[in-house]
Each structure stands twice: as structure tokens, then as C-alpha cells.
Amino acid sequence: MNTEVDFQKIRNTAESYYRNGDFYCSEAVVKTIKDESISFLRQIYRTIFSIIQHQLKRIFSLMPITFLANMVKFWLKNYQNLLKTIRI
């Protein structure tokens, strides 16, 4: 995961938004920072998700198949409630 901030890239992007007339000066700066923040958060999300996915695979490989079947049945019964709980 890239944790470095490329200030020159952010500056060039904001200036091009302003020069092209897409945004006013302050709007261009805010949009560029927002876009870079979202990109960084996506990287964090992907990293966390891959760690969780790896751990779940490890946990499930150690569980007996009957337990897994019962867990899937429970999840299917409570699917809507789980979606509401998990929603970020």
C-alpha cells in the first residue's frame, strides 16, 4: 500500500481543474484532496478486506463441516438483518 502523498501531483491536478474552468480555485483544491483521500481509503479498505478474507479462510478450514453448514443456514435466515448490521 502506498502511503506517500504526491503533493506535486495534487497541485498539478488542482491547477488543471482551475485552468480548464472545471472548478474555481478553492473548489479545485478541495476536489483534488477529496479524490486523493478516497483513493487512499480504498487502498486501506482493500488491505483490511484481504486480511479478513485470509483469516476467515484459515478459521473455516479448521471448522467441522456440520458447523459451517449450520452457520450458512443461520446466515440465510437472517440475511436482511446481517446486511443492515454490516452496512457501513
C-alpha atoms as a PDB file:
ATOM      1  CA  MET A   1       0.000   0.000   0.000  1.00  0.00           C
ATOM      2  CA  ASN A   2       1.332   3.392  -0.981  1.00  0.00           C
ATOM      3  CA  THR A   3       1.337   5.772   1.986  1.00  0.00           C
ATOM      4  CA  GLU A   4       3.299   8.542   0.285  1.00  0.00           C
ATOM      5  CA  VAL A   5       1.487  11.744  -0.688  1.00  0.00           C
ATOM      6  CA  ASP A   6       2.476  13.210  -4.041  1.00  0.00           C
ATOM      7  CA  PHE A   7       1.906  16.915  -3.435  1.00  0.00           C
ATOM      8  CA  GLN A   8       3.117  17.846  -6.904  1.00  0.00           C
ATOM      9  CA  LYS A   9       0.504  15.573  -8.481  1.00  0.00           C
ATOM     10  CA  ILE A  10      -2.211  17.070  -6.265  1.00  0.00           C
ATOM     11  CA  ARG A  11      -1.083  20.590  -7.158  1.00  0.00           C
ATOM     12  CA  ASN A  12      -0.967  19.847 -10.899  1.00  0.00           C
ATOM     13  CA  THR A  13      -4.401  18.228 -10.840  1.00  0.00           C
ATOM     14  CA  ALA A  14      -5.969  21.126  -8.926  1.00  0.00           C
ATOM     15  CA  GLU A  15      -4.342  23.681 -11.221  1.00  0.00           C
ATOM     16  CA  SER A  16      -5.562  21.870 -14.321  1.00  0.00           C
ATOM     17  CA  TYR A  17      -9.130  21.790 -12.938  1.00  0.00           C
ATOM     18  CA  TYR A  18      -8.888  25.548 -12.380  1.00  0.00           C
ATOM     19  CA  ARG A  19      -7.227  26.334 -15.738  1.00  0.00           C
ATOM     20  CA  ASN A  20      -9.787  24.243 -17.652  1.00  0.00           C
ATOM     21  CA  GLY A  21     -12.602  26.113 -15.947  1.00  0.00           C
ATOM     22  CA  ASP A  22     -13.991  22.969 -14.333  1.00  0.00           C
ATOM     23  CA  PHE A  23     -13.850  24.463 -10.832  1.00  0.00           C
ATOM     24  CA  TYR A  24     -12.999  27.677  -9.018  1.00  0.00           C
ATOM     25  CA  CYS A  25      -9.642  27.723  -7.228  1.00  0.00           C
ATOM     26  CA  SER A  26     -10.789  26.562  -3.783  1.00  0.00           C
ATOM     27  CA  GLU A  27     -13.203  24.012  -5.283  1.00  0.00           C
ATOM     28  CA  ALA A  28     -10.401  22.527  -7.395  1.00  0.00           C
ATOM     29  CA  VAL A  29      -8.195  22.117  -4.317  1.00  0.00           C
ATOM     30  CA  VAL A  30     -10.981  20.516  -2.265  1.00  0.00           C
ATOM     31  CA  LYS A  31     -11.986  18.141  -5.084  1.00  0.00           C
ATOM     32  CA  THR A  32      -8.413  17.024  -5.657  1.00  0.00           C
ATOM     33  CA  ILE A  33      -7.792  16.385  -1.962  1.00  0.00           C
ATOM     34  CA  LYS A  34     -11.115  14.547  -1.707  1.00  0.00           C
ATOM     35  CA  ASP A  35     -10.272  12.347  -4.696  1.00  0.00           C
ATOM     36  CA  GLU A  36      -6.840  11.523  -3.281  1.00  0.00           C
ATOM     37  CA  SER A  37      -8.366  10.740   0.130  1.00  0.00           C
ATOM     38  CA  ILE A  38     -10.913   8.397  -1.426  1.00  0.00           C
ATOM     39  CA  SER A  39      -8.146   6.638  -3.327  1.00  0.00           C
ATOM     40  CA  PHE A  40      -6.155   6.218  -0.107  1.00  0.00           C
ATOM     41  CA  LEU A  41      -9.220   4.934   1.782  1.00  0.00           C
ATOM     42  CA  ARG A  42      -9.867   2.399  -0.986  1.00  0.00           C
ATOM     43  CA  GLN A  43      -6.322   1.104  -0.564  1.00  0.00           C
ATOM     44  CA  ILE A  44      -6.877   0.765   3.187  1.00  0.00           C
ATOM     45  CA  TYR A  45     -10.211  -0.992   2.604  1.00  0.00           C
ATOM     46  CA  ARG A  46      -8.643  -3.464   0.165  1.00  0.00           C
ATOM     47  CA  THR A  47      -5.834  -4.226   2.582  1.00  0.00           C
ATOM     48  CA  ILE A  48      -8.172  -4.772   5.524  1.00  0.00           C
ATOM     49  CA  PHE A  49     -10.538  -6.873   3.398  1.00  0.00           C
ATOM     50  CA  SER A  50      -7.729  -9.127   2.183  1.00  0.00           C
ATOM     51  CA  ILE A  51      -6.521  -9.639   5.771  1.00  0.00           C
ATOM     52  CA  ILE A  52     -10.039 -10.500   6.950  1.00  0.00           C
ATOM     53  CA  GLN A  53     -10.576 -12.791   3.964  1.00  0.00           C
ATOM     54  CA  HIS A  54      -7.322 -14.633   4.701  1.00  0.00           C
ATOM     55  CA  GLN A  55      -8.241 -15.033   8.381  1.00  0.00           C
ATOM     56  CA  LEU A  56     -11.737 -16.296   7.547  1.00  0.00           C
ATOM     57  CA  LYS A  57     -10.303 -18.896   5.177  1.00  0.00           C
ATOM     58  CA  ARG A  58      -7.962 -20.034   7.923  1.00  0.00           C
ATOM     59  CA  ILE A  59     -10.754 -20.201  10.513  1.00  0.00           C
ATOM     60  CA  PHE A  60     -13.182 -22.002   8.201  1.00  0.00           C
ATOM     61  CA  SER A  61     -10.590 -24.573   7.218  1.00  0.00           C
ATOM     62  CA  LEU A  62     -10.319 -25.582  10.884  1.00  0.00           C
ATOM     63  CA  MET A  63     -14.079 -25.905  11.500  1.00  0.00           C
ATOM     64  CA  PRO A  64     -16.059 -29.125  11.032  1.00  0.00           C
ATOM     65  CA  ILE A  65     -18.351 -29.141   8.004  1.00  0.00           C
ATOM     66  CA  THR A  66     -21.549 -29.518  10.072  1.00  0.00           C
ATOM     67  CA  PHE A  67     -20.776 -26.310  11.953  1.00  0.00           C
ATOM     68  CA  LEU A  68     -20.209 -24.482   8.678  1.00  0.00           C
ATOM     69  CA  ALA A  69     -23.490 -25.811   7.257  1.00  0.00           C
ATOM     70  CA  ASN A  70     -25.412 -24.621  10.328  1.00  0.00           C
ATOM     71  CA  MET A  71     -23.731 -21.228  10.136  1.00  0.00           C
ATOM     72  CA  VAL A  72     -24.728 -20.841   6.470  1.00  0.00           C
ATOM     73  CA  LYS A  73     -28.324 -21.775   7.308  1.00  0.00           C
ATOM     74  CA  PHE A  74     -28.341 -19.146  10.061  1.00  0.00           C
ATOM     75  CA  TRP A  75     -26.923 -16.505   7.695  1.00  0.00           C
ATOM     76  CA  LEU A  76     -29.511 -17.288   5.042  1.00  0.00           C
ATOM     77  CA  LYS A  77     -32.349 -16.975   7.570  1.00  0.00           C
ATOM     78  CA  ASN A  78     -31.066 -13.654   8.865  1.00  0.00           C
ATOM     79  CA  TYR A  79     -29.682 -12.248   5.618  1.00  0.00           C
ATOM     80  CA  GLN A  80     -31.566  -8.942   5.753  1.00  0.00           C
ATOM     81  CA  ASN A  81     -30.625  -8.295   9.367  1.00  0.00           C
ATOM     82  CA  LEU A  82     -26.997  -9.074   8.633  1.00  0.00           C
ATOM     83  CA  LEU A  83     -26.970  -6.616   5.725  1.00  0.00           C
ATOM     84  CA  LYS A  84     -28.335  -3.876   7.958  1.00  0.00           C
ATOM     85  CA  THR A  85     -25.738  -4.676  10.609  1.00  0.00           C
ATOM     86  CA  ILE A  86     -22.780  -4.867   8.225  1.00  0.00           C
ATOM     87  CA  ARG A  87     -23.709  -1.771   6.188  1.00  0.00           C
ATOM     88  CA  ILE A  88     -21.021   0.893   6.512  1.00  0.00           C
END
